[in-house]
Amino acid sequence: MASTPDGSSARLILASASAARAAMLHAAGVVFDVVPAAIDEAIVKRQFRDHGKDALACAQALALAKARAVAAKYPNTAVVGADQILVAGDEWFDKPADLAAARQQIRRLSGRSHILATAACAVQGEAILWAATAEPKMTMRRIGESFLAEYIAVEGEDILGSVGSYRIEGRGAQLFALIEGDYFSILGLPLLELLGFLRDRGFLED
């Protein structure tokens, strides 16, 4: 595809390094470029926690910040930003730093329910073209130590890119007793809503 005046090779950019989000869009037949946004998420999360704001509001702010950071470099291209925060009780979970941290996350989530506060948006320049949120609820069964050891060994570093240390589209499905909510949002993107926006804007055939 020919480059646009601002240098991107597609009319749409995904401002995320998430392999799951990119795979969803590719599988759905969407043409896009990937340009991960470089922002300090920890600072934003700390500010929201300090001011008593909820995780969904924080996820919305992070999705918008990511999209606008990339849109500043590609002002003529629509940019999709997304973020997801796992909330269990009063605790917010980040992606695990290593497999030891992943093991500890699963131990803390075992036998409990948590929410995936998920937000996405599309911007062009400073203008917000579309936004959507979702809050799937996940109930993890009680995980035995032998299963956990095998799970970590088999899944390996693939789970390090997932908040909560699981890939529901893979072996991670075995961790759960109940899932309530949109499957695509669990993977990190309200895909059906996004596809509707893309059809309305002419990125996809109606």
N, C-alpha and C. Protein backbone atom coordinates (compact mmCIF):
# COMPACT_ATOMS: atom_id res chain seq x y z
N MET A 1 0.85 -1.19 0.00
CA MET A 1 0.00 0.00 0.00
C MET A 1 0.88 1.24 0.00
N ALA A 2 0.50 2.25 -0.76
CA ALA A 2 1.28 3.48 -0.84
C ALA A 2 1.25 4.22 0.48
N SER A 3 2.34 4.93 0.77
CA SER A 3 2.42 5.67 2.02
C SER A 3 1.53 6.89 1.97
N THR A 4 0.97 7.26 3.11
CA THR A 4 0.20 8.49 3.24
C THR A 4 1.17 9.65 3.38
N PRO A 5 0.70 10.90 3.25
CA PRO A 5 1.60 12.05 3.35
C PRO A 5 2.38 12.12 4.66
N ASP A 6 1.81 11.55 5.74
CA ASP A 6 2.53 11.62 7.01
C ASP A 6 3.46 10.44 7.22
N GLY A 7 3.58 9.56 6.23
CA GLY A 7 4.58 8.51 6.30
C GLY A 7 4.09 7.13 6.67
N SER A 8 2.84 6.97 7.09
CA SER A 8 2.34 5.64 7.41
C SER A 8 1.92 4.93 6.14
N SER A 9 1.90 3.61 6.17
CA SER A 9 1.58 2.85 4.97
C SER A 9 0.12 2.42 4.92
N ALA A 10 -0.65 2.76 5.96
CA ALA A 10 -2.07 2.42 5.98
C ALA A 10 -2.86 3.62 6.47
N ARG A 11 -4.18 3.58 6.25
CA ARG A 11 -5.05 4.66 6.70
C ARG A 11 -5.37 4.54 8.18
N LEU A 12 -4.93 3.45 8.79
CA LEU A 12 -5.24 3.20 10.20
C LEU A 12 -3.98 2.72 10.91
N ILE A 13 -3.76 3.20 12.13
CA ILE A 13 -2.61 2.78 12.94
C ILE A 13 -3.12 2.26 14.27
N LEU A 14 -2.55 1.16 14.73
CA LEU A 14 -2.80 0.63 16.07
C LEU A 14 -1.64 1.07 16.96
N ALA A 15 -1.95 1.89 17.95
CA ALA A 15 -0.91 2.41 18.85
C ALA A 15 -0.71 1.47 20.03
N SER A 16 -0.38 0.23 19.73
CA SER A 16 -0.25 -0.79 20.78
C SER A 16 0.74 -1.85 20.33
N ALA A 17 1.52 -2.34 21.29
CA ALA A 17 2.45 -3.44 21.01
C ALA A 17 1.82 -4.80 21.30
N SER A 18 0.52 -4.81 21.65
CA SER A 18 -0.16 -6.05 22.02
C SER A 18 -0.32 -6.98 20.81
N ALA A 19 0.26 -8.17 20.93
CA ALA A 19 0.12 -9.16 19.86
C ALA A 19 -1.32 -9.63 19.73
N ALA A 20 -2.04 -9.71 20.86
CA ALA A 20 -3.43 -10.17 20.83
C ALA A 20 -4.31 -9.17 20.08
N ARG A 21 -4.12 -7.88 20.33
CA ARG A 21 -4.92 -6.88 19.62
C ARG A 21 -4.63 -6.89 18.13
N ALA A 22 -3.37 -6.97 17.78
CA ALA A 22 -3.00 -7.01 16.36
C ALA A 22 -3.57 -8.25 15.69
N ALA A 23 -3.51 -9.39 16.37
CA ALA A 23 -4.03 -10.64 15.80
C ALA A 23 -5.52 -10.55 15.57
N MET A 24 -6.26 -9.94 16.50
CA MET A 24 -7.70 -9.78 16.32
C MET A 24 -8.01 -8.96 15.08
N LEU A 25 -7.31 -7.85 14.91
CA LEU A 25 -7.57 -6.97 13.76
C LEU A 25 -7.18 -7.65 12.46
N HIS A 26 -6.05 -8.32 12.44
CA HIS A 26 -5.63 -9.05 11.24
C HIS A 26 -6.65 -10.12 10.87
N ALA A 27 -7.09 -10.89 11.86
CA ALA A 27 -8.06 -11.96 11.60
C ALA A 27 -9.38 -11.42 11.08
N ALA A 28 -9.72 -10.20 11.50
CA ALA A 28 -10.98 -9.58 11.06
C ALA A 28 -10.85 -8.92 9.68
N GLY A 29 -9.66 -8.94 9.11
CA GLY A 29 -9.47 -8.38 7.78
C GLY A 29 -9.21 -6.89 7.73
N VAL A 30 -8.75 -6.33 8.84
CA VAL A 30 -8.47 -4.89 8.89
C VAL A 30 -7.02 -4.64 8.46
N VAL A 31 -6.83 -3.64 7.60
CA VAL A 31 -5.49 -3.24 7.16
C VAL A 31 -5.02 -2.10 8.06
N PHE A 32 -3.86 -2.26 8.68
CA PHE A 32 -3.37 -1.25 9.61
C PHE A 32 -1.87 -1.40 9.79
N ASP A 33 -1.26 -0.35 10.31
CA ASP A 33 0.13 -0.38 10.74
C ASP A 33 0.17 -0.43 12.26
N VAL A 34 1.24 -0.92 12.82
CA VAL A 34 1.45 -0.93 14.27
C VAL A 34 2.55 0.07 14.61
N VAL A 35 2.21 1.03 15.47
CA VAL A 35 3.17 2.01 15.96
C VAL A 35 2.96 2.12 17.48
N PRO A 36 3.67 1.33 18.28
CA PRO A 36 3.46 1.38 19.74
C PRO A 36 3.74 2.77 20.30
N ALA A 37 2.91 3.16 21.26
CA ALA A 37 3.08 4.46 21.92
C ALA A 37 4.02 4.32 23.10
N ALA A 38 4.87 5.31 23.29
CA ALA A 38 5.80 5.31 24.42
C ALA A 38 5.33 6.33 25.45
N ILE A 39 4.58 5.86 26.45
CA ILE A 39 4.15 6.73 27.54
C ILE A 39 4.43 6.01 28.85
N ASP A 40 4.55 6.78 29.92
CA ASP A 40 4.82 6.20 31.24
C ASP A 40 3.49 5.87 31.90
N GLU A 41 3.04 4.63 31.74
CA GLU A 41 1.75 4.23 32.28
C GLU A 41 1.73 4.26 33.80
N ALA A 42 2.85 3.96 34.41
CA ALA A 42 2.90 3.89 35.88
C ALA A 42 2.56 5.24 36.51
N ILE A 43 3.04 6.32 35.90
CA ILE A 43 2.75 7.66 36.44
C ILE A 43 1.27 7.95 36.36
N VAL A 44 0.65 7.64 35.21
CA VAL A 44 -0.78 7.90 35.03
C VAL A 44 -1.59 7.09 36.04
N LYS A 45 -1.26 5.82 36.19
CA LYS A 45 -1.99 4.97 37.13
C LYS A 45 -1.85 5.48 38.56
N ARG A 46 -0.65 5.91 38.92
CA ARG A 46 -0.43 6.42 40.28
C ARG A 46 -1.26 7.68 40.52
N GLN A 47 -1.33 8.56 39.53
CA GLN A 47 -2.13 9.78 39.67
C GLN A 47 -3.61 9.45 39.86
N PHE A 48 -4.11 8.51 39.09
CA PHE A 48 -5.52 8.13 39.22
C PHE A 48 -5.80 7.49 40.56
N ARG A 49 -4.92 6.62 41.03
CA ARG A 49 -5.11 6.00 42.33
C ARG A 49 -5.06 7.05 43.44
N ASP A 50 -4.10 7.98 43.34
CA ASP A 50 -3.95 9.00 44.38
C ASP A 50 -5.18 9.91 44.47
N HIS A 51 -5.87 10.09 43.33
CA HIS A 51 -7.05 10.95 43.31
C HIS A 51 -8.35 10.16 43.45
N GLY A 52 -8.24 8.89 43.77
CA GLY A 52 -9.42 8.08 44.03
C GLY A 52 -10.28 7.77 42.82
N LYS A 53 -9.70 7.83 41.63
CA LYS A 53 -10.46 7.56 40.41
C LYS A 53 -10.40 6.07 40.09
N ASP A 54 -11.43 5.59 39.39
CA ASP A 54 -11.50 4.14 39.17
C ASP A 54 -10.66 3.69 38.00
N ALA A 55 -10.52 2.37 37.89
CA ALA A 55 -9.63 1.78 36.89
C ALA A 55 -10.14 2.02 35.47
N LEU A 56 -11.46 2.01 35.26
CA LEU A 56 -11.97 2.21 33.91
C LEU A 56 -11.65 3.62 33.41
N ALA A 57 -11.78 4.60 34.28
CA ALA A 57 -11.42 5.97 33.91
C ALA A 57 -9.94 6.06 33.57
N CYS A 58 -9.12 5.34 34.33
CA CYS A 58 -7.69 5.33 34.06
C CYS A 58 -7.39 4.66 32.73
N ALA A 59 -8.05 3.53 32.45
CA ALA A 59 -7.85 2.85 31.17
C ALA A 59 -8.25 3.75 30.01
N GLN A 60 -9.35 4.50 30.16
CA GLN A 60 -9.76 5.44 29.11
C GLN A 60 -8.69 6.51 28.89
N ALA A 61 -8.15 7.04 29.98
CA ALA A 61 -7.12 8.07 29.86
C ALA A 61 -5.86 7.52 29.20
N LEU A 62 -5.48 6.31 29.55
CA LEU A 62 -4.29 5.71 28.95
C LEU A 62 -4.50 5.40 27.47
N ALA A 63 -5.67 4.89 27.11
CA ALA A 63 -5.96 4.61 25.70
C ALA A 63 -5.87 5.90 24.89
N LEU A 64 -6.44 6.97 25.42
CA LEU A 64 -6.41 8.25 24.71
C LEU A 64 -5.00 8.81 24.63
N ALA A 65 -4.25 8.69 25.71
CA ALA A 65 -2.87 9.19 25.71
C ALA A 65 -2.01 8.46 24.69
N LYS A 66 -2.18 7.15 24.60
CA LYS A 66 -1.43 6.37 23.62
C LYS A 66 -1.79 6.77 22.20
N ALA A 67 -3.09 6.88 21.94
CA ALA A 67 -3.53 7.24 20.59
C ALA A 67 -3.02 8.63 20.21
N ARG A 68 -3.11 9.58 21.11
CA ARG A 68 -2.69 10.95 20.79
C ARG A 68 -1.17 11.06 20.65
N ALA A 69 -0.43 10.26 21.42
CA ALA A 69 1.03 10.28 21.29
C ALA A 69 1.46 9.88 19.90
N VAL A 70 0.80 8.87 19.33
CA VAL A 70 1.13 8.42 17.98
C VAL A 70 0.52 9.35 16.93
N ALA A 71 -0.69 9.85 17.19
CA ALA A 71 -1.36 10.73 16.24
C ALA A 71 -0.58 12.03 16.03
N ALA A 72 0.18 12.44 17.04
CA ALA A 72 0.99 13.65 16.90
C ALA A 72 2.03 13.50 15.80
N LYS A 73 2.46 12.26 15.54
CA LYS A 73 3.45 11.99 14.50
C LYS A 73 2.80 11.69 13.16
N TYR A 74 1.53 11.29 13.18
CA TYR A 74 0.80 10.91 11.96
C TYR A 74 -0.55 11.63 11.95
N PRO A 75 -0.54 12.96 11.77
CA PRO A 75 -1.78 13.74 11.93
C PRO A 75 -2.86 13.46 10.89
N ASN A 76 -2.52 12.84 9.78
CA ASN A 76 -3.51 12.59 8.74
C ASN A 76 -4.07 11.17 8.78
N THR A 77 -3.70 10.42 9.80
CA THR A 77 -4.09 9.02 9.88
C THR A 77 -4.88 8.77 11.16
N ALA A 78 -5.94 7.95 11.06
CA ALA A 78 -6.70 7.56 12.25
C ALA A 78 -5.85 6.60 13.09
N VAL A 79 -5.83 6.83 14.39
CA VAL A 79 -5.00 6.03 15.30
C VAL A 79 -5.88 5.44 16.40
N VAL A 80 -5.75 4.13 16.59
CA VAL A 80 -6.51 3.42 17.62
C VAL A 80 -5.61 3.19 18.83
N GLY A 81 -6.09 3.63 19.99
CA GLY A 81 -5.39 3.37 21.25
C GLY A 81 -6.23 2.48 22.13
N ALA A 82 -5.61 1.69 22.98
CA ALA A 82 -6.35 0.79 23.86
C ALA A 82 -5.57 0.55 25.14
N ASP A 83 -6.30 0.23 26.20
CA ASP A 83 -5.64 -0.12 27.46
C ASP A 83 -6.56 -1.02 28.26
N GLN A 84 -5.96 -1.78 29.15
CA GLN A 84 -6.71 -2.71 29.99
C GLN A 84 -6.05 -2.81 31.37
N ILE A 85 -6.86 -2.70 32.40
CA ILE A 85 -6.37 -2.81 33.77
C ILE A 85 -7.17 -3.90 34.48
N LEU A 86 -6.47 -4.83 35.10
CA LEU A 86 -7.12 -5.89 35.86
C LEU A 86 -7.32 -5.40 37.29
N VAL A 87 -8.56 -5.54 37.77
CA VAL A 87 -8.90 -5.08 39.12
C VAL A 87 -9.45 -6.25 39.92
N ALA A 88 -8.81 -6.56 41.03
CA ALA A 88 -9.27 -7.60 41.96
C ALA A 88 -9.37 -6.97 43.34
N GLY A 89 -10.58 -6.77 43.81
CA GLY A 89 -10.76 -6.06 45.06
C GLY A 89 -10.29 -4.62 44.91
N ASP A 90 -9.38 -4.21 45.77
CA ASP A 90 -8.82 -2.85 45.68
C ASP A 90 -7.49 -2.81 44.94
N GLU A 91 -7.06 -3.94 44.40
CA GLU A 91 -5.74 -4.04 43.78
C GLU A 91 -5.81 -3.94 42.26
N TRP A 92 -4.91 -3.16 41.69
CA TRP A 92 -4.76 -3.08 40.23
C TRP A 92 -3.53 -3.90 39.85
N PHE A 93 -3.69 -4.72 38.83
CA PHE A 93 -2.59 -5.59 38.40
C PHE A 93 -1.96 -5.05 37.11
N ASP A 94 -0.65 -5.13 37.02
CA ASP A 94 0.09 -4.82 35.80
C ASP A 94 0.58 -6.12 35.16
N LYS A 95 1.12 -6.02 33.95
CA LYS A 95 1.72 -7.19 33.32
C LYS A 95 2.88 -7.68 34.18
N PRO A 96 3.04 -8.98 34.33
CA PRO A 96 4.13 -9.50 35.16
C PRO A 96 5.50 -9.24 34.54
N ALA A 97 6.46 -8.96 35.38
CA ALA A 97 7.82 -8.67 34.90
C ALA A 97 8.54 -9.93 34.45
N ASP A 98 8.22 -11.07 35.07
CA ASP A 98 8.88 -12.33 34.74
C ASP A 98 7.97 -13.48 35.14
N LEU A 99 8.41 -14.71 34.92
CA LEU A 99 7.56 -15.86 35.21
C LEU A 99 7.31 -16.04 36.70
N ALA A 100 8.25 -15.64 37.53
CA ALA A 100 8.03 -15.71 38.97
C ALA A 100 6.90 -14.77 39.38
N ALA A 101 6.88 -13.58 38.80
CA ALA A 101 5.80 -12.63 39.08
C ALA A 101 4.47 -13.15 38.54
N ALA A 102 4.50 -13.81 37.38
CA ALA A 102 3.29 -14.38 36.81
C ALA A 102 2.72 -15.45 37.75
N ARG A 103 3.58 -16.28 38.28
CA ARG A 103 3.13 -17.32 39.23
C ARG A 103 2.44 -16.69 40.44
N GLN A 104 3.05 -15.62 40.96
CA GLN A 104 2.47 -14.95 42.13
C GLN A 104 1.14 -14.29 41.79
N GLN A 105 1.02 -13.72 40.61
CA GLN A 105 -0.25 -13.12 40.20
C GLN A 105 -1.36 -14.16 40.20
N ILE A 106 -1.10 -15.29 39.58
CA ILE A 106 -2.13 -16.33 39.49
C ILE A 106 -2.49 -16.85 40.88
N ARG A 107 -1.53 -16.97 41.75
CA ARG A 107 -1.82 -17.38 43.12
C ARG A 107 -2.75 -16.38 43.81
N ARG A 108 -2.53 -15.08 43.57
CA ARG A 108 -3.36 -14.05 44.20
C ARG A 108 -4.76 -14.01 43.61
N LEU A 109 -4.88 -14.38 42.33
CA LEU A 109 -6.19 -14.35 41.66
C LEU A 109 -6.95 -15.66 41.84
N SER A 110 -6.28 -16.71 42.24
CA SER A 110 -6.89 -18.04 42.37
C SER A 110 -8.10 -18.00 43.30
N GLY A 111 -9.24 -18.56 42.82
CA GLY A 111 -10.45 -18.64 43.62
C GLY A 111 -11.19 -17.34 43.78
N ARG A 112 -10.82 -16.30 43.03
CA ARG A 112 -11.44 -14.98 43.16
C ARG A 112 -11.98 -14.50 41.81
N SER A 113 -12.82 -13.49 41.88
CA SER A 113 -13.30 -12.82 40.67
C SER A 113 -12.53 -11.52 40.47
N HIS A 114 -12.33 -11.15 39.21
CA HIS A 114 -11.72 -9.86 38.92
C HIS A 114 -12.36 -9.26 37.68
N ILE A 115 -12.14 -7.98 37.50
CA ILE A 115 -12.68 -7.22 36.37
C ILE A 115 -11.55 -6.80 35.46
N LEU A 116 -11.79 -6.86 34.15
CA LEU A 116 -10.85 -6.33 33.17
C LEU A 116 -11.41 -5.00 32.65
N ALA A 117 -10.94 -3.91 33.23
CA ALA A 117 -11.37 -2.58 32.81
C ALA A 117 -10.71 -2.27 31.47
N THR A 118 -11.50 -2.27 30.41
CA THR A 118 -10.98 -2.22 29.04
C THR A 118 -11.50 -0.98 28.32
N ALA A 119 -10.60 -0.25 27.70
CA ALA A 119 -10.99 0.97 26.98
C ALA A 119 -10.26 1.05 25.65
N ALA A 120 -10.92 1.61 24.65
CA ALA A 120 -10.30 1.83 23.35
C ALA A 120 -10.87 3.11 22.75
N CYS A 121 -10.10 3.71 21.86
CA CYS A 121 -10.56 4.92 21.18
C CYS A 121 -9.85 5.05 19.84
N ALA A 122 -10.38 5.92 19.01
CA ALA A 122 -9.73 6.26 17.74
C ALA A 122 -9.67 7.78 17.65
N VAL A 123 -8.51 8.29 17.29
CA VAL A 123 -8.34 9.74 17.16
C VAL A 123 -7.70 10.06 15.81
N GLN A 124 -7.87 11.29 15.41
CA GLN A 124 -7.12 11.83 14.28
C GLN A 124 -6.71 13.24 14.67
N GLY A 125 -5.41 13.45 14.75
CA GLY A 125 -4.96 14.70 15.33
C GLY A 125 -5.37 14.75 16.80
N GLU A 126 -6.04 15.83 17.19
CA GLU A 126 -6.55 15.96 18.55
C GLU A 126 -8.00 15.50 18.68
N ALA A 127 -8.65 15.24 17.56
CA ALA A 127 -10.07 14.90 17.57
C ALA A 127 -10.30 13.44 17.94
N ILE A 128 -11.24 13.22 18.86
CA ILE A 128 -11.65 11.86 19.21
C ILE A 128 -12.76 11.44 18.25
N LEU A 129 -12.51 10.40 17.47
CA LEU A 129 -13.47 9.93 16.48
C LEU A 129 -14.42 8.87 17.04
N TRP A 130 -13.94 8.11 18.01
CA TRP A 130 -14.71 6.97 18.54
C TRP A 130 -14.11 6.54 19.87
N ALA A 131 -14.95 6.01 20.74
CA ALA A 131 -14.46 5.47 22.00
C ALA A 131 -15.44 4.41 22.51
N ALA A 132 -14.93 3.42 23.21
CA ALA A 132 -15.76 2.37 23.78
C ALA A 132 -15.08 1.79 25.00
N THR A 133 -15.88 1.25 25.92
CA THR A 133 -15.35 0.60 27.11
C THR A 133 -16.08 -0.71 27.35
N ALA A 134 -15.48 -1.57 28.15
CA ALA A 134 -16.10 -2.83 28.55
C ALA A 134 -15.47 -3.25 29.87
N GLU A 135 -16.21 -4.04 30.65
CA GLU A 135 -15.71 -4.52 31.93
C GLU A 135 -16.07 -6.00 32.12
N PRO A 136 -15.43 -6.89 31.36
CA PRO A 136 -15.68 -8.32 31.55
C PRO A 136 -15.32 -8.76 32.97
N LYS A 137 -16.10 -9.71 33.48
CA LYS A 137 -15.83 -10.25 34.81
C LYS A 137 -15.33 -11.68 34.69
N MET A 138 -14.21 -11.96 35.32
CA MET A 138 -13.56 -13.26 35.23
C MET A 138 -13.50 -13.89 36.62
N THR A 139 -13.95 -15.13 36.73
CA THR A 139 -13.86 -15.85 38.00
C THR A 139 -12.92 -17.03 37.84
N MET A 140 -11.80 -16.96 38.54
CA MET A 140 -10.79 -18.00 38.43
C MET A 140 -11.08 -19.11 39.44
N ARG A 141 -10.95 -20.33 39.00
CA ARG A 141 -11.11 -21.46 39.91
C ARG A 141 -9.90 -21.51 40.85
N ARG A 142 -9.98 -22.36 41.86
CA ARG A 142 -8.83 -22.53 42.75
C ARG A 142 -7.77 -23.35 42.01
N ILE A 143 -6.60 -22.78 41.88
CA ILE A 143 -5.55 -23.38 41.07
C ILE A 143 -4.59 -24.17 41.95
N GLY A 144 -4.44 -25.46 41.65
CA GLY A 144 -3.49 -26.29 42.39
C GLY A 144 -2.06 -26.01 41.97
N GLU A 145 -1.14 -26.26 42.87
CA GLU A 145 0.27 -25.97 42.62
C GLU A 145 0.84 -26.80 41.47
N SER A 146 0.42 -28.05 41.34
CA SER A 146 0.95 -28.88 40.26
C SER A 146 0.48 -28.38 38.90
N PHE A 147 -0.81 -27.99 38.83
CA PHE A 147 -1.31 -27.43 37.58
C PHE A 147 -0.60 -26.12 37.27
N LEU A 148 -0.43 -25.28 38.28
CA LEU A 148 0.21 -23.99 38.07
C LEU A 148 1.63 -24.16 37.54
N ALA A 149 2.36 -25.09 38.08
CA ALA A 149 3.73 -25.33 37.63
C ALA A 149 3.75 -25.77 36.17
N GLU A 150 2.84 -26.68 35.82
CA GLU A 150 2.77 -27.14 34.43
C GLU A 150 2.34 -26.02 33.50
N TYR A 151 1.36 -25.23 33.95
CA TYR A 151 0.86 -24.11 33.15
C TYR A 151 1.97 -23.11 32.83
N ILE A 152 2.73 -22.74 33.84
CA ILE A 152 3.83 -21.79 33.65
C ILE A 152 4.87 -22.37 32.71
N ALA A 153 5.18 -23.65 32.86
CA ALA A 153 6.20 -24.29 32.02
C ALA A 153 5.76 -24.34 30.56
N VAL A 154 4.49 -24.65 30.32
CA VAL A 154 3.99 -24.79 28.95
C VAL A 154 3.80 -23.43 28.29
N GLU A 155 3.17 -22.50 28.99
CA GLU A 155 2.88 -21.19 28.41
C GLU A 155 4.13 -20.33 28.28
N GLY A 156 5.01 -20.43 29.25
CA GLY A 156 6.27 -19.70 29.20
C GLY A 156 6.08 -18.20 29.09
N GLU A 157 6.99 -17.55 28.39
CA GLU A 157 7.00 -16.08 28.35
C GLU A 157 5.86 -15.48 27.55
N ASP A 158 5.07 -16.30 26.87
CA ASP A 158 3.92 -15.78 26.15
C ASP A 158 2.93 -15.07 27.09
N ILE A 159 2.89 -15.49 28.35
CA ILE A 159 1.93 -14.89 29.28
C ILE A 159 2.41 -13.56 29.86
N LEU A 160 3.66 -13.21 29.60
CA LEU A 160 4.20 -11.97 30.17
C LEU A 160 3.62 -10.73 29.50
N GLY A 161 3.02 -10.90 28.34
CA GLY A 161 2.40 -9.77 27.66
C GLY A 161 0.95 -9.58 28.03
N SER A 162 0.48 -10.34 29.02
CA SER A 162 -0.93 -10.30 29.40
C SER A 162 -1.08 -9.91 30.86
N VAL A 163 -1.89 -8.88 31.10
CA VAL A 163 -2.20 -8.53 32.49
C VAL A 163 -2.96 -9.71 33.09
N GLY A 164 -2.56 -10.13 34.28
CA GLY A 164 -3.19 -11.29 34.89
C GLY A 164 -2.47 -12.59 34.60
N SER A 165 -1.51 -12.56 33.68
CA SER A 165 -0.67 -13.72 33.38
C SER A 165 -1.43 -14.88 32.73
N TYR A 166 -2.39 -14.54 31.90
CA TYR A 166 -3.09 -15.60 31.18
C TYR A 166 -3.49 -15.14 29.78
N ARG A 167 -3.57 -16.10 28.89
CA ARG A 167 -4.10 -15.89 27.55
C ARG A 167 -5.36 -16.75 27.44
N ILE A 168 -6.52 -16.11 27.52
CA ILE A 168 -7.78 -16.85 27.52
C ILE A 168 -7.97 -17.63 26.22
N GLU A 169 -7.32 -17.18 25.16
CA GLU A 169 -7.44 -17.86 23.87
C GLU A 169 -6.58 -19.12 23.80
N GLY A 170 -5.81 -19.36 24.84
CA GLY A 170 -4.94 -20.54 24.88
C GLY A 170 -5.20 -21.37 26.11
N ARG A 171 -4.14 -21.91 26.68
CA ARG A 171 -4.25 -22.79 27.85
C ARG A 171 -4.82 -22.05 29.05
N GLY A 172 -4.75 -20.73 29.02
CA GLY A 172 -5.29 -19.92 30.12
C GLY A 172 -6.78 -20.14 30.36
N ALA A 173 -7.51 -20.65 29.36
CA ALA A 173 -8.94 -20.93 29.56
C ALA A 173 -9.15 -21.91 30.70
N GLN A 174 -8.16 -22.78 30.95
CA GLN A 174 -8.30 -23.78 32.01
C GLN A 174 -8.24 -23.17 33.42
N LEU A 175 -7.86 -21.91 33.51
CA LEU A 175 -7.78 -21.27 34.82
C LEU A 175 -9.14 -20.85 35.35
N PHE A 176 -10.15 -20.82 34.49
CA PHE A 176 -11.40 -20.15 34.87
C PHE A 176 -12.58 -21.07 35.08
N ALA A 177 -13.42 -20.66 36.05
CA ALA A 177 -14.68 -21.34 36.32
C ALA A 177 -15.84 -20.64 35.62
N LEU A 178 -15.73 -19.31 35.45
CA LEU A 178 -16.83 -18.53 34.86
C LEU A 178 -16.26 -17.27 34.22
N ILE A 179 -16.79 -16.95 33.05
CA ILE A 179 -16.42 -15.72 32.35
C ILE A 179 -17.71 -15.00 31.95
N GLU A 180 -17.79 -13.72 32.28
CA GLU A 180 -18.97 -12.92 31.96
C GLU A 180 -18.54 -11.68 31.18
N GLY A 181 -18.98 -11.59 29.93
CA GLY A 181 -18.63 -10.42 29.14
C GLY A 181 -18.15 -10.77 27.76
N ASP A 182 -17.80 -9.75 27.00
CA ASP A 182 -17.41 -9.88 25.61
C ASP A 182 -16.03 -10.53 25.48
N TYR A 183 -15.96 -11.58 24.68
CA TYR A 183 -14.71 -12.31 24.49
C TYR A 183 -13.60 -11.42 23.96
N PHE A 184 -13.90 -10.61 22.95
CA PHE A 184 -12.87 -9.77 22.34
C PHE A 184 -12.35 -8.73 23.34
N SER A 185 -13.24 -8.22 24.18
CA SER A 185 -12.80 -7.25 25.19
C SER A 185 -11.88 -7.91 26.21
N ILE A 186 -12.11 -9.19 26.49
CA ILE A 186 -11.21 -9.91 27.38
C ILE A 186 -9.80 -9.94 26.78
N LEU A 187 -9.73 -10.07 25.46
CA LEU A 187 -8.43 -10.08 24.79
C LEU A 187 -7.82 -8.68 24.69
N GLY A 188 -8.60 -7.64 25.03
CA GLY A 188 -8.03 -6.30 25.09
C GLY A 188 -8.58 -5.27 24.15
N LEU A 189 -9.66 -5.61 23.41
CA LEU A 189 -10.19 -4.66 22.43
C LEU A 189 -11.68 -4.93 22.19
N PRO A 190 -12.56 -3.92 22.37
CA PRO A 190 -13.98 -4.10 22.02
C PRO A 190 -14.12 -4.16 20.50
N LEU A 191 -13.82 -5.32 19.94
CA LEU A 191 -13.63 -5.45 18.50
C LEU A 191 -14.89 -5.15 17.69
N LEU A 192 -16.04 -5.65 18.10
CA LEU A 192 -17.25 -5.45 17.31
C LEU A 192 -17.61 -3.97 17.21
N GLU A 193 -17.47 -3.24 18.31
CA GLU A 193 -17.72 -1.80 18.28
C GLU A 193 -16.72 -1.09 17.37
N LEU A 194 -15.46 -1.51 17.44
CA LEU A 194 -14.44 -0.91 16.59
C LEU A 194 -14.72 -1.19 15.11
N LEU A 195 -15.12 -2.40 14.79
CA LEU A 195 -15.43 -2.73 13.39
C LEU A 195 -16.62 -1.90 12.89
N GLY A 196 -17.59 -1.65 13.77
CA GLY A 196 -18.72 -0.80 13.39
C GLY A 196 -18.25 0.61 13.05
N PHE A 197 -17.36 1.14 13.87
CA PHE A 197 -16.80 2.47 13.59
C PHE A 197 -16.04 2.47 12.27
N LEU A 198 -15.25 1.44 12.03
CA LEU A 198 -14.47 1.38 10.79
C LEU A 198 -15.36 1.28 9.56
N ARG A 199 -16.48 0.57 9.68
CA ARG A 199 -17.42 0.53 8.55
C ARG A 199 -18.05 1.89 8.33
N ASP A 200 -18.45 2.53 9.41
CA ASP A 200 -19.08 3.85 9.28
C ASP A 200 -18.16 4.87 8.65
N ARG A 201 -16.85 4.73 8.90
CA ARG A 201 -15.88 5.70 8.39
C ARG A 201 -15.27 5.29 7.06
N GLY A 202 -15.71 4.17 6.52
CA GLY A 202 -15.24 3.75 5.20
C GLY A 202 -13.93 2.97 5.18
N PHE A 203 -13.46 2.55 6.36
CA PHE A 203 -12.25 1.73 6.40
C PHE A 203 -12.56 0.29 5.97
N LEU A 204 -13.82 -0.12 6.15
CA LEU A 204 -14.26 -1.46 5.78
C LEU A 204 -15.50 -1.34 4.91
N GLU A 205 -15.74 -2.36 4.09
CA GLU A 205 -16.94 -2.38 3.27
C GLU A 205 -18.18 -2.49 4.13
N ASP A 206 -19.22 -1.75 3.77
CA ASP A 206 -20.48 -1.79 4.50
C ASP A 206 -21.30 -3.02 4.10
